[in-house]
Amino acid sequence: MKEISSKLKMHVQNVNVINHNFERVTLNTILAFFAALCFLYILLLGNMVGNIVERRSLELSVRNLSSDVSALELTYLSMSSNVDLNLSHSLGFKETKATFATRKSIGLNTKAVESIKTSRNDI
C-alpha cells in the first residue's frame, strides 16, 4: 500500500507540475495579448490625435487661402469694371472686322430637277 500511495503521490506531483506550467503559460499568453491590445490602442489613439491636430492646421490654412481668393476676386471685379474700348486701344489692341465663312446651298434648282430623268423600276 505504501508503494501505491508513493506512486500516487508522485503522479499527483507530476500532474501539479503540468497544471502549474499550463496555468503559467495561459497567464503569460493572456498578459501578452493584453499588452498587445494596449499597444495597439495607444498607437490608434496617438494616430487619431495627430490627425485631429493636422486637420485643425489645414482648416486654418484653408481659411487663409479663402480670404486671399476673396481679395483677389474683389480686385478682379474692380479692374474688370474699368475695361472698355478706350483702354484696349491705349494698350495697343485693334478692332477687327469679322468675316464669316459661307458656302453655297446644296439644294436643287428647278432647271436641274427637270433635267434629271428617273428610270422606272420594274418591281
PDB file of N, CA and C in Angstrom:
ATOM      1  N   MET A   1       0.800  -1.167   0.000  1.00  0.00           N
ATOM      2  CA  MET A   1       0.000   0.000   0.000  1.00  0.00           C
ATOM      3  C   MET A   1       0.865   1.262   0.000  1.00  0.00           C
ATOM      4  N   LYS A   2       1.976   1.184   0.700  1.00  0.00           N
ATOM      5  CA  LYS A   2       2.886   2.314   0.710  1.00  0.00           C
ATOM      6  C   LYS A   2       3.415   2.587  -0.690  1.00  0.00           C
ATOM      7  N   GLU A   3       3.633   1.520  -1.402  1.00  0.00           N
ATOM      8  CA  GLU A   3       4.127   1.707  -2.768  1.00  0.00           C
ATOM      9  C   GLU A   3       3.093   2.418  -3.632  1.00  0.00           C
ATOM     10  N   ILE A   4       1.890   2.026  -3.501  1.00  0.00           N
ATOM     11  CA  ILE A   4       0.818   2.622  -4.305  1.00  0.00           C
ATOM     12  C   ILE A   4       0.640   4.088  -3.909  1.00  0.00           C
ATOM     13  N   SER A   5       0.662   4.357  -2.596  1.00  0.00           N
ATOM     14  CA  SER A   5       0.489   5.740  -2.167  1.00  0.00           C
ATOM     15  C   SER A   5       1.669   6.608  -2.619  1.00  0.00           C
ATOM     16  N   SER A   6       2.877   6.055  -2.578  1.00  0.00           N
ATOM     17  CA  SER A   6       4.026   6.832  -3.048  1.00  0.00           C
ATOM     18  C   SER A   6       3.950   7.051  -4.559  1.00  0.00           C
ATOM     19  N   LYS A   7       3.497   6.046  -5.305  1.00  0.00           N
ATOM     20  CA  LYS A   7       3.326   6.212  -6.752  1.00  0.00           C
ATOM     21  C   LYS A   7       2.236   7.249  -7.044  1.00  0.00           C
ATOM     22  N   LEU A   8       1.167   7.162  -6.294  1.00  0.00           N
ATOM     23  CA  LEU A   8       0.070   8.114  -6.482  1.00  0.00           C
ATOM     24  C   LEU A   8       0.524   9.538  -6.146  1.00  0.00           C
ATOM     25  N   LYS A   9       1.289   9.649  -5.045  1.00  0.00           N
ATOM     26  CA  LYS A   9       1.794  10.955  -4.654  1.00  0.00           C
ATOM     27  C   LYS A   9       2.724  11.517  -5.727  1.00  0.00           C
ATOM     28  N   MET A  10       3.557  10.661  -6.291  1.00  0.00           N
ATOM     29  CA  MET A  10       4.484  11.064  -7.343  1.00  0.00           C
ATOM     30  C   MET A  10       3.711  11.479  -8.596  1.00  0.00           C
ATOM     31  N   HIS A  11       2.674  10.716  -8.869  1.00  0.00           N
ATOM     32  CA  HIS A  11       1.842  11.014 -10.036  1.00  0.00           C
ATOM     33  C   HIS A  11       1.103  12.352  -9.859  1.00  0.00           C
ATOM     34  N   VAL A  12       0.594  12.611  -8.678  1.00  0.00           N
ATOM     35  CA  VAL A  12      -0.098  13.857  -8.384  1.00  0.00           C
ATOM     36  C   VAL A  12       0.867  15.029  -8.479  1.00  0.00           C
ATOM     37  N   GLN A  13       2.085  14.857  -8.002  1.00  0.00           N
ATOM     38  CA  GLN A  13       3.070  15.933  -8.088  1.00  0.00           C
ATOM     39  C   GLN A  13       3.392  16.236  -9.555  1.00  0.00           C
ATOM     40  N   ASN A  14       3.487  15.196 -10.368  1.00  0.00           N
ATOM     41  CA  ASN A  14       3.744  15.407 -11.803  1.00  0.00           C
ATOM     42  C   ASN A  14       2.573  16.130 -12.456  1.00  0.00           C
ATOM     43  N   VAL A  15       1.367  15.766 -12.052  1.00  0.00           N
ATOM     44  CA  VAL A  15       0.188  16.420 -12.599  1.00  0.00           C
ATOM     45  C   VAL A  15       0.161  17.881 -12.156  1.00  0.00           C
ATOM     46  N   ASN A  16       0.510  18.170 -10.921  1.00  0.00           N
ATOM     47  CA  ASN A  16       0.550  19.542 -10.442  1.00  0.00           C
ATOM     48  C   ASN A  16       1.572  20.375 -11.211  1.00  0.00           C
ATOM     49  N   VAL A  17       2.687  19.766 -11.514  1.00  0.00           N
ATOM     50  CA  VAL A  17       3.710  20.467 -12.275  1.00  0.00           C
ATOM     51  C   VAL A  17       3.178  20.799 -13.661  1.00  0.00           C
ATOM     52  N   ILE A  18       2.510  19.850 -14.269  1.00  0.00           N
ATOM     53  CA  ILE A  18       1.948  20.082 -15.604  1.00  0.00           C
ATOM     54  C   ILE A  18       0.873  21.161 -15.539  1.00  0.00           C
ATOM     55  N   ASN A  19      -0.011  21.067 -14.576  1.00  0.00           N
ATOM     56  CA  ASN A  19      -1.065  22.073 -14.432  1.00  0.00           C
ATOM     57  C   ASN A  19      -0.482  23.435 -14.096  1.00  0.00           C
ATOM     58  N   HIS A  20       0.511  23.450 -13.252  1.00  0.00           N
ATOM     59  CA  HIS A  20       1.140  24.702 -12.881  1.00  0.00           C
ATOM     60  C   HIS A  20       1.766  25.364 -14.113  1.00  0.00           C
ATOM     61  N   ASN A  21       2.455  24.580 -14.934  1.00  0.00           N
ATOM     62  CA  ASN A  21       3.062  25.115 -16.157  1.00  0.00           C
ATOM     63  C   ASN A  21       1.977  25.560 -17.141  1.00  0.00           C
ATOM     64  N   PHE A  22       0.907  24.800 -17.251  1.00  0.00           N
ATOM     65  CA  PHE A  22      -0.187  25.156 -18.159  1.00  0.00           C
ATOM     66  C   PHE A  22      -0.835  26.471 -17.733  1.00  0.00           C
ATOM     67  N   GLU A  23      -1.040  26.631 -16.424  1.00  0.00           N
ATOM     68  CA  GLU A  23      -1.618  27.874 -15.923  1.00  0.00           C
ATOM     69  C   GLU A  23      -0.684  29.056 -16.167  1.00  0.00           C
ATOM     70  N   ARG A  24       0.598  28.822 -15.961  1.00  0.00           N
ATOM     71  CA  ARG A  24       1.578  29.886 -16.177  1.00  0.00           C
ATOM     72  C   ARG A  24       1.631  30.285 -17.662  1.00  0.00           C
ATOM     73  N   VAL A  25       1.602  29.300 -18.546  1.00  0.00           N
ATOM     74  CA  VAL A  25       1.630  29.594 -19.990  1.00  0.00           C
ATOM     75  C   VAL A  25       0.358  30.334 -20.397  1.00  0.00           C
ATOM     76  N   THR A  26      -0.777  29.899 -19.871  1.00  0.00           N
ATOM     77  CA  THR A  26      -2.049  30.560 -20.179  1.00  0.00           C
ATOM     78  C   THR A  26      -2.036  32.001 -19.673  1.00  0.00           C
ATOM     79  N   LEU A  27      -1.562  32.198 -18.452  1.00  0.00           N
ATOM     80  CA  LEU A  27      -1.481  33.545 -17.894  1.00  0.00           C
ATOM     81  C   LEU A  27      -0.551  34.423 -18.724  1.00  0.00           C
ATOM     82  N   ASN A  28       0.597  33.885 -19.106  1.00  0.00           N
ATOM     83  CA  ASN A  28       1.539  34.660 -19.924  1.00  0.00           C
ATOM     84  C   ASN A  28       0.946  35.005 -21.283  1.00  0.00           C
ATOM     85  N   THR A  29       0.200  34.073 -21.850  1.00  0.00           N
ATOM     86  CA  THR A  29      -0.436  34.323 -23.142  1.00  0.00           C
ATOM     87  C   THR A  29      -1.481  35.420 -23.020  1.00  0.00           C
ATOM     88  N   ILE A  30      -2.291  35.357 -21.981  1.00  0.00           N
ATOM     89  CA  ILE A  30      -3.317  36.376 -21.776  1.00  0.00           C
ATOM     90  C   ILE A  30      -2.673  37.739 -21.531  1.00  0.00           C
ATOM     91  N   LEU A  31      -1.625  37.788 -20.734  1.00  0.00           N
ATOM     92  CA  LEU A  31      -0.937  39.053 -20.465  1.00  0.00           C
ATOM     93  C   LEU A  31      -0.276  39.617 -21.722  1.00  0.00           C
ATOM     94  N   ALA A  32       0.311  38.745 -22.536  1.00  0.00           N
ATOM     95  CA  ALA A  32       0.927  39.203 -23.790  1.00  0.00           C
ATOM     96  C   ALA A  32      -0.134  39.751 -24.740  1.00  0.00           C
ATOM     97  N   PHE A  33      -1.275  39.071 -24.815  1.00  0.00           N
ATOM     98  CA  PHE A  33      -2.366  39.538 -25.656  1.00  0.00           C
ATOM     99  C   PHE A  33      -2.894  40.884 -25.159  1.00  0.00           C
ATOM    100  N   PHE A  34      -3.037  41.029 -23.846  1.00  0.00           N
ATOM    101  CA  PHE A  34      -3.486  42.288 -23.258  1.00  0.00           C
ATOM    102  C   PHE A  34      -2.481  43.409 -23.530  1.00  0.00           C
ATOM    103  N   ALA A  35      -1.193  43.106 -23.428  1.00  0.00           N
ATOM    104  CA  ALA A  35      -0.159  44.108 -23.710  1.00  0.00           C
ATOM    105  C   ALA A  35      -0.203  44.523 -25.180  1.00  0.00           C
ATOM    106  N   ALA A  36      -0.425  43.552 -26.070  1.00  0.00           N
ATOM    107  CA  ALA A  36      -0.514  43.868 -27.497  1.00  0.00           C
ATOM    108  C   ALA A  36      -1.727  44.754 -27.772  1.00  0.00           C
ATOM    109  N   LEU A  37      -2.850  44.462 -27.130  1.00  0.00           N
ATOM    110  CA  LEU A  37      -4.038  45.291 -27.308  1.00  0.00           C
ATOM    111  C   LEU A  37      -3.822  46.699 -26.770  1.00  0.00           C
ATOM    112  N   CYS A  38      -3.136  46.820 -25.620  1.00  0.00           N
ATOM    113  CA  CYS A  38      -2.824  48.144 -25.064  1.00  0.00           C
ATOM    114  C   CYS A  38      -1.931  48.937 -26.017  1.00  0.00           C
ATOM    115  N   PHE A  39      -0.936  48.284 -26.558  1.00  0.00           N
ATOM    116  CA  PHE A  39      -0.044  48.940 -27.506  1.00  0.00           C
ATOM    117  C   PHE A  39      -0.810  49.392 -28.749  1.00  0.00           C
ATOM    118  N   LEU A  40      -1.687  48.539 -29.256  1.00  0.00           N
ATOM    119  CA  LEU A  40      -2.491  48.884 -30.427  1.00  0.00           C
ATOM    120  C   LEU A  40      -3.434  50.051 -30.116  1.00  0.00           C
ATOM    121  N   TYR A  41      -4.012  50.051 -28.933  1.00  0.00           N
ATOM    122  CA  TYR A  41      -4.901  51.144 -28.517  1.00  0.00           C
ATOM    123  C   TYR A  41      -4.149  52.462 -28.448  1.00  0.00           C
ATOM    124  N   ILE A  42      -2.970  52.452 -27.850  1.00  0.00           N
ATOM    125  CA  ILE A  42      -2.158  53.665 -27.744  1.00  0.00           C
ATOM    126  C   ILE A  42      -1.741  54.149 -29.122  1.00  0.00           C
ATOM    127  N   LEU A  43      -1.396  53.223 -29.997  1.00  0.00           N
ATOM    128  CA  LEU A  43      -0.993  53.578 -31.354  1.00  0.00           C
ATOM    129  C   LEU A  43      -2.154  54.230 -32.108  1.00  0.00           C
ATOM    130  N   LEU A  44      -3.339  53.630 -32.045  1.00  0.00           N
ATOM    131  CA  LEU A  44      -4.503  54.194 -32.735  1.00  0.00           C
ATOM    132  C   LEU A  44      -4.928  55.527 -32.128  1.00  0.00           C
ATOM    133  N   LEU A  45      -4.873  55.638 -30.822  1.00  0.00           N
ATOM    134  CA  LEU A  45      -5.236  56.887 -30.159  1.00  0.00           C
ATOM    135  C   LEU A  45      -4.266  58.011 -30.541  1.00  0.00           C
ATOM    136  N   GLY A  46      -2.990  57.709 -30.570  1.00  0.00           N
ATOM    137  CA  GLY A  46      -1.998  58.703 -30.996  1.00  0.00           C
ATOM    138  C   GLY A  46      -2.189  59.121 -32.439  1.00  0.00           C
ATOM    139  N   ASN A  47      -2.536  58.162 -33.294  1.00  0.00           N
ATOM    140  CA  ASN A  47      -2.783  58.462 -34.698  1.00  0.00           C
ATOM    141  C   ASN A  47      -3.992  59.378 -34.841  1.00  0.00           C
ATOM    142  N   MET A  48      -5.054  59.112 -34.086  1.00  0.00           N
ATOM    143  CA  MET A  48      -6.245  59.958 -34.151  1.00  0.00           C
ATOM    144  C   MET A  48      -5.949  61.370 -33.671  1.00  0.00           C
ATOM    145  N   VAL A  49      -5.221  61.503 -32.591  1.00  0.00           N
ATOM    146  CA  VAL A  49      -4.882  62.834 -32.075  1.00  0.00           C
ATOM    147  C   VAL A  49      -4.031  63.587 -33.091  1.00  0.00           C
ATOM    148  N   GLY A  50      -3.086  62.905 -33.707  1.00  0.00           N
ATOM    149  CA  GLY A  50      -2.255  63.532 -34.742  1.00  0.00           C
ATOM    150  C   GLY A  50      -3.081  64.002 -35.925  1.00  0.00           C
ATOM    151  N   ASN A  51      -4.062  63.190 -36.339  1.00  0.00           N
ATOM    152  CA  ASN A  51      -4.927  63.586 -37.451  1.00  0.00           C
ATOM    153  C   ASN A  51      -5.798  64.780 -37.091  1.00  0.00           C
ATOM    154  N   ILE A  52      -6.259  64.840 -35.855  1.00  0.00           N
ATOM    155  CA  ILE A  52      -7.079  65.979 -35.425  1.00  0.00           C
ATOM    156  C   ILE A  52      -6.261  67.260 -35.448  1.00  0.00           C
ATOM    157  N   VAL A  53      -5.043  67.207 -34.955  1.00  0.00           N
ATOM    158  CA  VAL A  53      -4.174  68.394 -34.949  1.00  0.00           C
ATOM    159  C   VAL A  53      -3.874  68.829 -36.383  1.00  0.00           C
ATOM    160  N   GLU A  54      -3.594  67.874 -37.259  1.00  0.00           N
ATOM    161  CA  GLU A  54      -3.303  68.204 -38.655  1.00  0.00           C
ATOM    162  C   GLU A  54      -4.532  68.798 -39.345  1.00  0.00           C
ATOM    163  N   ARG A  55      -5.715  68.251 -39.061  1.00  0.00           N
ATOM    164  CA  ARG A  55      -6.939  68.777 -39.660  1.00  0.00           C
ATOM    165  C   ARG A  55      -7.182  70.216 -39.235  1.00  0.00           C
ATOM    166  N   ARG A  56      -6.939  70.526 -37.972  1.00  0.00           N
ATOM    167  CA  ARG A  56      -7.137  71.904 -37.496  1.00  0.00           C
ATOM    168  C   ARG A  56      -6.183  72.873 -38.174  1.00  0.00           C
ATOM    169  N   SER A  57      -4.933  72.446 -38.354  1.00  0.00           N
ATOM    170  CA  SER A  57      -3.983  73.334 -39.031  1.00  0.00           C
ATOM    171  C   SER A  57      -4.356  73.504 -40.499  1.00  0.00           C
ATOM    172  N   LEU A  58      -4.873  72.439 -41.134  1.00  0.00           N
ATOM    173  CA  LEU A  58      -5.307  72.552 -42.525  1.00  0.00           C
ATOM    174  C   LEU A  58      -6.544  73.442 -42.645  1.00  0.00           C
ATOM    175  N   GLU A  59      -7.451  73.377 -41.681  1.00  0.00           N
ATOM    176  CA  GLU A  59      -8.619  74.254 -41.701  1.00  0.00           C
ATOM    177  C   GLU A  59      -8.191  75.720 -41.587  1.00  0.00           C
ATOM    178  N   LEU A  60      -7.184  75.986 -40.793  1.00  0.00           N
ATOM    179  CA  LEU A  60      -6.673  77.356 -40.665  1.00  0.00           C
ATOM    180  C   LEU A  60      -6.081  77.834 -41.981  1.00  0.00           C
ATOM    181  N   SER A  61      -5.308  76.984 -42.642  1.00  0.00           N
ATOM    182  CA  SER A  61      -4.719  77.388 -43.929  1.00  0.00           C
ATOM    183  C   SER A  61      -5.796  77.547 -45.002  1.00  0.00           C
ATOM    184  N   VAL A  62      -6.854  76.726 -44.946  1.00  0.00           N
ATOM    185  CA  VAL A  62      -7.957  76.885 -45.895  1.00  0.00           C
ATOM    186  C   VAL A  62      -8.655  78.210 -45.677  1.00  0.00           C
ATOM    187  N   ARG A  63      -8.856  78.587 -44.421  1.00  0.00           N
ATOM    188  CA  ARG A  63      -9.468  79.874 -44.117  1.00  0.00           C
ATOM    189  C   ARG A  63      -8.623  81.025 -44.671  1.00  0.00           C
ATOM    190  N   ASN A  64      -7.298  80.934 -44.497  1.00  0.00           N
ATOM    191  CA  ASN A  64      -6.405  81.986 -45.011  1.00  0.00           C
ATOM    192  C   ASN A  64      -6.446  82.052 -46.531  1.00  0.00           C
ATOM    193  N   LEU A  65      -6.418  80.888 -47.180  1.00  0.00           N
ATOM    194  CA  LEU A  65      -6.465  80.870 -48.637  1.00  0.00           C
ATOM    195  C   LEU A  65      -7.806  81.382 -49.155  1.00  0.00           C
ATOM    196  N   SER A  66      -8.872  81.065 -48.456  1.00  0.00           N
ATOM    197  CA  SER A  66     -10.190  81.544 -48.868  1.00  0.00           C
ATOM    198  C   SER A  66     -10.273  83.060 -48.799  1.00  0.00           C
ATOM    199  N   SER A  67      -9.703  83.647 -47.761  1.00  0.00           N
ATOM    200  CA  SER A  67      -9.708  85.111 -47.663  1.00  0.00           C
ATOM    201  C   SER A  67      -8.832  85.726 -48.754  1.00  0.00           C
ATOM    202  N   ASP A  68      -7.714  85.071 -49.096  1.00  0.00           N
ATOM    203  CA  ASP A  68      -6.863  85.566 -50.187  1.00  0.00           C
ATOM    204  C   ASP A  68      -7.613  85.525 -51.521  1.00  0.00           C
ATOM    205  N   VAL A  69      -8.342  84.439 -51.757  1.00  0.00           N
ATOM    206  CA  VAL A  69      -9.108  84.311 -53.004  1.00  0.00           C
ATOM    207  C   VAL A  69     -10.200  85.371 -53.059  1.00  0.00           C
ATOM    208  N   SER A  70     -10.851  85.620 -51.941  1.00  0.00           N
ATOM    209  CA  SER A  70     -11.887  86.659 -51.903  1.00  0.00           C
ATOM    210  C   SER A  70     -11.307  88.030 -52.236  1.00  0.00           C
ATOM    211  N   ALA A  71     -10.139  88.324 -51.704  1.00  0.00           N
ATOM    212  CA  ALA A  71      -9.488  89.610 -52.004  1.00  0.00           C
ATOM    213  C   ALA A  71      -9.128  89.703 -53.481  1.00  0.00           C
ATOM    214  N   LEU A  72      -8.631  88.596 -54.054  1.00  0.00           N
ATOM    215  CA  LEU A  72      -8.285  88.608 -55.482  1.00  0.00           C
ATOM    216  C   LEU A  72      -9.535  88.750 -56.353  1.00  0.00           C
ATOM    217  N   GLU A  73     -10.642  88.122 -55.958  1.00  0.00           N
ATOM    218  CA  GLU A  73     -11.884  88.265 -56.720  1.00  0.00           C
ATOM    219  C   GLU A  73     -12.380  89.710 -56.682  1.00  0.00           C
ATOM    220  N   LEU A  74     -12.275  90.343 -55.531  1.00  0.00           N
ATOM    221  CA  LEU A  74     -12.687  91.742 -55.409  1.00  0.00           C
ATOM    222  C   LEU A  74     -11.816  92.631 -56.297  1.00  0.00           C
ATOM    223  N   THR A  75     -10.518  92.374 -56.325  1.00  0.00           N
ATOM    224  CA  THR A  75      -9.612  93.133 -57.187  1.00  0.00           C
ATOM    225  C   THR A  75      -9.961  92.926 -58.653  1.00  0.00           C
ATOM    226  N   TYR A  76     -10.259  91.672 -59.021  1.00  0.00           N
ATOM    227  CA  TYR A  76     -10.626  91.365 -60.407  1.00  0.00           C
ATOM    228  C   TYR A  76     -11.902  92.104 -60.804  1.00  0.00           C
ATOM    229  N   LEU A  77     -12.902  92.092 -59.928  1.00  0.00           N
ATOM    230  CA  LEU A  77     -14.156  92.766 -60.250  1.00  0.00           C
ATOM    231  C   LEU A  77     -13.969  94.276 -60.392  1.00  0.00           C
ATOM    232  N   SER A  78     -13.152  94.860 -59.541  1.00  0.00           N
ATOM    233  CA  SER A  78     -12.913  96.311 -59.642  1.00  0.00           C
ATOM    234  C   SER A  78     -12.129  96.638 -60.912  1.00  0.00           C
ATOM    235  N   MET A  79     -11.206  95.781 -61.310  1.00  0.00           N
ATOM    236  CA  MET A  79     -10.438  96.040 -62.537  1.00  0.00           C
ATOM    237  C   MET A  79     -11.278  95.768 -63.782  1.00  0.00           C
ATOM    238  N   SER A  80     -12.164  94.777 -63.732  1.00  0.00           N
ATOM    239  CA  SER A  80     -12.950  94.449 -64.922  1.00  0.00           C
ATOM    240  C   SER A  80     -14.004  95.509 -65.213  1.00  0.00           C
ATOM    241  N   SER A  81     -14.422  96.274 -64.229  1.00  0.00           N
ATOM    242  CA  SER A  81     -15.387  97.347 -64.478  1.00  0.00           C
ATOM    243  C   SER A  81     -14.737  98.514 -65.220  1.00  0.00           C
ATOM    244  N   ASN A  82     -13.419  98.618 -65.178  1.00  0.00           N
ATOM    245  CA  ASN A  82     -12.701  99.704 -65.857  1.00  0.00           C
ATOM    246  C   ASN A  82     -12.335  99.371 -67.298  1.00  0.00           C
ATOM    247  N   VAL A  83     -12.527  98.133 -67.720  1.00  0.00           N
ATOM    248  CA  VAL A  83     -12.140  97.731 -69.072  1.00  0.00           C
ATOM    249  C   VAL A  83     -13.193  98.243 -70.057  1.00  0.00           C
ATOM    250  N   ASP A  84     -12.729  99.015 -71.061  1.00  0.00           N
ATOM    251  CA  ASP A  84     -13.611  99.490 -72.120  1.00  0.00           C
ATOM    252  C   ASP A  84     -12.801  99.596 -73.406  1.00  0.00           C
ATOM    253  N   LEU A  85     -13.437 100.112 -74.450  1.00  0.00           N
ATOM    254  CA  LEU A  85     -12.790 100.182 -75.761  1.00  0.00           C
ATOM    255  C   LEU A  85     -11.607 101.146 -75.748  1.00  0.00           C
ATOM    256  N   ASN A  86     -11.706 102.263 -75.038  1.00  0.00           N
ATOM    257  CA  ASN A  86     -10.603 103.239 -74.986  1.00  0.00           C
ATOM    258  C   ASN A  86      -9.365 102.630 -74.305  1.00  0.00           C
ATOM    259  N   LEU A  87      -9.581 101.852 -73.231  1.00  0.00           N
ATOM    260  CA  LEU A  87      -8.456 101.211 -72.552  1.00  0.00           C
ATOM    261  C   LEU A  87      -7.783 100.193 -73.461  1.00  0.00           C
ATOM    262  N   SER A  88      -8.570  99.436 -74.195  1.00  0.00           N
ATOM    263  CA  SER A  88      -7.970  98.438 -75.092  1.00  0.00           C
ATOM    264  C   SER A  88      -7.178  99.100 -76.208  1.00  0.00           C
ATOM    265  N   HIS A  89      -7.672 100.246 -76.744  1.00  0.00           N
ATOM    266  CA  HIS A  89      -6.901 100.971 -77.772  1.00  0.00           C
ATOM    267  C   HIS A  89      -5.612 101.522 -77.177  1.00  0.00           C
ATOM    268  N   SER A  90      -5.656 101.981 -75.941  1.00  0.00           N
ATOM    269  CA  SER A  90      -4.443 102.526 -75.329  1.00  0.00           C
ATOM    270  C   SER A  90      -3.417 101.418 -75.055  1.00  0.00           C
ATOM    271  N   LEU A  91      -3.880 100.191 -74.883  1.00  0.00           N
ATOM    272  CA  LEU A  91      -2.961  99.069 -74.672  1.00  0.00           C
ATOM    273  C   LEU A  91      -2.460  98.467 -75.981  1.00  0.00           C
ATOM    274  N   GLY A  92      -2.948  98.967 -77.121  1.00  0.00           N
ATOM    275  CA  GLY A  92      -2.448  98.514 -78.409  1.00  0.00           C
ATOM    276  C   GLY A  92      -3.335  97.501 -79.104  1.00  0.00           C
ATOM    277  N   PHE A  93      -4.492  97.244 -78.597  1.00  0.00           N
ATOM    278  CA  PHE A  93      -5.403  96.322 -79.269  1.00  0.00           C
ATOM    279  C   PHE A  93      -6.150  97.057 -80.371  1.00  0.00           C
ATOM    280  N   LYS A  94      -6.484  96.331 -81.429  1.00  0.00           N
ATOM    281  CA  LYS A  94      -7.204  96.920 -82.552  1.00  0.00           C
ATOM    282  C   LYS A  94      -8.501  96.147 -82.754  1.00  0.00           C
ATOM    283  N   GLU A  95      -9.492  96.851 -83.264  1.00  0.00           N
ATOM    284  CA  GLU A  95     -10.778  96.220 -83.527  1.00  0.00           C
ATOM    285  C   GLU A  95     -10.698  95.524 -84.875  1.00  0.00           C
ATOM    286  N   THR A  96     -11.186  94.328 -84.942  1.00  0.00           N
ATOM    287  CA  THR A  96     -11.134  93.574 -86.190  1.00  0.00           C
ATOM    288  C   THR A  96     -12.512  93.506 -86.804  1.00  0.00           C
ATOM    289  N   LYS A  97     -12.519  93.339 -88.114  1.00  0.00           N
ATOM    290  CA  LYS A  97     -13.784  93.172 -88.815  1.00  0.00           C
ATOM    291  C   LYS A  97     -13.980  91.676 -89.015  1.00  0.00           C
ATOM    292  N   ALA A  98     -15.121  91.228 -88.618  1.00  0.00           N
ATOM    293  CA  ALA A  98     -15.393  89.788 -88.681  1.00  0.00           C
ATOM    294  C   ALA A  98     -15.762  89.391 -90.093  1.00  0.00           C
ATOM    295  N   THR A  99     -15.147  88.327 -90.560  1.00  0.00           N
ATOM    296  CA  THR A  99     -15.531  87.727 -91.843  1.00  0.00           C
ATOM    297  C   THR A  99     -15.944  86.302 -91.542  1.00  0.00           C
ATOM    298  N   PHE A 100     -17.058  85.930 -92.107  1.00  0.00           N
ATOM    299  CA  PHE A 100     -17.609  84.619 -91.819  1.00  0.00           C
ATOM    300  C   PHE A 100     -17.482  83.726 -93.040  1.00  0.00           C
ATOM    301  N   ALA A 101     -17.251  82.487 -92.824  1.00  0.00           N
ATOM    302  CA  ALA A 101     -17.167  81.520 -93.908  1.00  0.00           C
ATOM    303  C   ALA A 101     -18.579  81.111 -94.285  1.00  0.00           C
ATOM    304  N   THR A 102     -18.868  81.147 -95.584  1.00  0.00           N
ATOM    305  CA  THR A 102     -20.192  80.734 -96.073  1.00  0.00           C
ATOM    306  C   THR A 102     -20.001  79.714 -97.171  1.00  0.00           C
ATOM    307  N   ARG A 103     -21.040  79.007 -97.459  1.00  0.00           N
ATOM    308  CA  ARG A 103     -20.980  78.065 -98.573  1.00  0.00           C
ATOM    309  C   ARG A 103     -22.298  78.136 -99.328  1.00  0.00           C
ATOM    310  N   LYS A 104     -22.245  77.672-100.548  1.00  0.00           N
ATOM    311  CA  LYS A 104     -23.440  77.691-101.361  1.00  0.00           C
ATOM    312  C   LYS A 104     -24.370  76.589-100.891  1.00  0.00           C
ATOM    313  N   SER A 105     -25.643  76.832-101.041  1.00  0.00           N
ATOM    314  CA  SER A 105     -26.598  75.820-100.611  1.00  0.00           C
ATOM    315  C   SER A 105     -26.527  74.630-101.552  1.00  0.00           C
ATOM    316  N   ILE A 106     -26.831  73.496-101.053  1.00  0.00           N
ATOM    317  CA  ILE A 106     -26.741  72.282-101.873  1.00  0.00           C
ATOM    318  C   ILE A 106     -28.124  71.824-102.336  1.00  0.00           C
ATOM    319  N   GLY A 107     -29.092  72.675-102.189  1.00  0.00           N
ATOM    320  CA  GLY A 107     -30.443  72.352-102.668  1.00  0.00           C
ATOM    321  C   GLY A 107     -30.487  72.339-104.190  1.00  0.00           C
ATOM    322  N   LEU A 108     -31.485  71.679-104.777  1.00  0.00           N
ATOM    323  CA  LEU A 108     -31.624  71.576-106.231  1.00  0.00           C
ATOM    324  C   LEU A 108     -32.468  72.738-106.754  1.00  0.00           C
ATOM    325  N   ASN A 109     -32.036  73.306-107.878  1.00  0.00           N
ATOM    326  CA  ASN A 109     -32.863  74.327-108.503  1.00  0.00           C
ATOM    327  C   ASN A 109     -33.840  73.661-109.481  1.00  0.00           C
ATOM    328  N   THR A 110     -34.798  74.405-109.951  1.00  0.00           N
ATOM    329  CA  THR A 110     -35.878  73.795-110.749  1.00  0.00           C
ATOM    330  C   THR A 110     -35.391  73.304-112.098  1.00  0.00           C
ATOM    331  N   LYS A 111     -34.439  73.979-112.741  1.00  0.00           N
ATOM    332  CA  LYS A 111     -33.928  73.540-114.039  1.00  0.00           C
ATOM    333  C   LYS A 111     -33.205  72.215-113.896  1.00  0.00           C
ATOM    334  N   ALA A 112     -32.494  72.029-112.805  1.00  0.00           N
ATOM    335  CA  ALA A 112     -31.768  70.783-112.598  1.00  0.00           C
ATOM    336  C   ALA A 112     -32.736  69.645-112.337  1.00  0.00           C
ATOM    337  N   VAL A 113     -33.861  69.927-111.706  1.00  0.00           N
ATOM    338  CA  VAL A 113     -34.848  68.891-111.416  1.00  0.00           C
ATOM    339  C   VAL A 113     -35.495  68.414-112.699  1.00  0.00           C
ATOM    340  N   GLU A 114     -35.763  69.332-113.635  1.00  0.00           N
ATOM    341  CA  GLU A 114     -36.381  68.948-114.905  1.00  0.00           C
ATOM    342  C   GLU A 114     -35.433  68.110-115.744  1.00  0.00           C
ATOM    343  N   SER A 115     -34.135  68.369-115.632  1.00  0.00           N
ATOM    344  CA  SER A 115     -33.187  67.643-116.458  1.00  0.00           C
ATOM    345  C   SER A 115     -32.879  66.252-115.912  1.00  0.00           C
ATOM    346  N   ILE A 116     -33.200  66.016-114.668  1.00  0.00           N
ATOM    347  CA  ILE A 116     -32.943  64.704-114.084  1.00  0.00           C
ATOM    348  C   ILE A 116     -34.030  63.762-114.545  1.00  0.00           C
ATOM    349  N   LYS A 117     -33.642  62.653-115.128  1.00  0.00           N
ATOM    350  CA  LYS A 117     -34.598  61.659-115.578  1.00  0.00           C
ATOM    351  C   LYS A 117     -34.569  60.502-114.591  1.00  0.00           C
ATOM    352  N   THR A 118     -35.719  60.065-114.212  1.00  0.00           N
ATOM    353  CA  THR A 118     -35.805  58.920-113.314  1.00  0.00           C
ATOM    354  C   THR A 118     -36.165  57.709-114.120  1.00  0.00           C
ATOM    355  N   SER A 119     -35.532  56.625-113.829  1.00  0.00           N
ATOM    356  CA  SER A 119     -35.844  55.379-114.529  1.00  0.00           C
ATOM    357  C   SER A 119     -36.936  54.652-113.768  1.00  0.00           C
ATOM    358  N   ARG A 120     -37.813  54.014-114.539  1.00  0.00           N
ATOM    359  CA  ARG A 120     -38.891  53.291-113.923  1.00  0.00           C
ATOM    360  C   ARG A 120     -38.354  52.007-113.340  1.00  0.00           C
ATOM    361  N   ASN A 121     -38.849  51.697-112.172  1.00  0.00           N
ATOM    362  CA  ASN A 121     -38.450  50.459-111.512  1.00  0.00           C
ATOM    363  C   ASN A 121     -39.388  49.362-111.980  1.00  0.00           C
ATOM    364  N   ASP A 122     -38.854  48.197-112.289  1.00  0.00           N
ATOM    365  CA  ASP A 122     -39.666  47.110-112.804  1.00  0.00           C
ATOM    366  C   ASP A 122     -40.483  46.437-111.712  1.00  0.00           C
ATOM    367  N   ILE A 123     -40.184  46.682-110.541  1.00  0.00           N
ATOM    368  CA  ILE A 123     -40.897  45.999-109.461  1.00  0.00           C
ATOM    369  C   ILE A 123     -42.213  46.631-109.202  1.00  0.00           C
TER     370      ILE A 123
END
